Protein backbone atom coordinates (compact mmCIF):
# COMPACT_ATOMS: atom_id res chain seq x y z
CA MET A 1 0.00 0.00 0.00
CA ALA A 2 2.93 2.33 0.64
CA ASN A 3 3.97 1.98 -2.99
CA ALA A 4 0.47 2.95 -4.14
CA ARG A 5 0.50 6.04 -1.92
CA ALA A 6 3.95 7.02 -3.19
CA GLN A 7 2.71 6.67 -6.76
CA VAL A 8 -0.31 8.89 -6.01
CA LEU A 9 2.00 11.57 -4.66
CA ARG A 10 4.31 11.30 -7.70
CA GLN A 11 1.37 11.56 -10.10
CA SER A 12 -0.06 14.53 -8.25
CA GLU A 13 3.31 16.29 -8.16
CA VAL A 14 3.93 15.86 -11.90
CA LEU A 15 0.42 17.03 -12.71
CA ALA A 16 0.88 20.09 -10.49
CA GLN A 17 4.24 20.93 -12.11
CA ASN A 18 2.60 20.87 -15.54
CA ARG A 19 -0.64 22.52 -14.38
CA LEU A 20 -2.75 19.53 -15.42
CA ILE A 21 -5.65 17.55 -13.96
CA GLY A 22 -5.41 13.76 -13.88
CA LEU A 23 -8.25 11.33 -14.51
CA TRP A 24 -8.41 7.85 -13.06
CA GLU A 25 -10.86 5.51 -14.79
CA VAL A 26 -12.25 2.74 -12.56
CA PRO A 27 -14.64 -0.12 -13.43
CA THR A 28 -17.17 0.17 -10.58
CA PRO A 29 -18.76 2.80 -8.34
CA VAL A 30 -17.28 0.95 -5.32
CA GLN A 31 -13.78 1.45 -6.72
CA LYS A 32 -14.59 5.11 -7.31
CA VAL A 33 -15.52 5.58 -3.65
CA LYS A 34 -12.31 3.86 -2.54
CA ALA A 35 -10.20 5.98 -4.88
CA LEU A 36 -11.88 9.20 -3.75
CA LYS A 37 -11.28 8.28 -0.09
CA LEU A 38 -7.60 7.66 -0.81
CA LEU A 39 -7.21 10.95 -2.67
CA ARG A 40 -9.06 12.88 0.04
CA ARG A 41 -6.94 11.26 2.79
CA MET A 42 -3.77 12.29 0.95
CA ASN A 43 -5.04 15.84 0.21
CA VAL A 44 -4.78 15.32 -3.54
CA SER A 45 -7.19 17.53 -5.47
CA ASN A 46 -5.75 17.46 -9.00
CA ILE A 47 -6.82 13.88 -9.80
CA HIS A 48 -10.45 13.13 -10.64
CA VAL A 49 -12.11 9.70 -10.73
CA LYS A 50 -14.59 8.44 -13.33
CA VAL A 51 -16.47 5.12 -13.68
CA VAL A 52 -16.19 3.58 -17.14
CA LYS A 53 -17.63 0.37 -18.56
CA PRO A 54 -14.92 -2.29 -18.97
């Protein structure tokens, strides 16, 4: 899990440096909720989450 959190921080940092917004695509609404909780816990606001059909 530490690797996943480190990756989130790296993604957020690169997006911030380039003034971009990231988009994570997840397969289910449950995954979306989990992703949003993780991003909120880590104070990341430049990554959005969207549910897409696999």
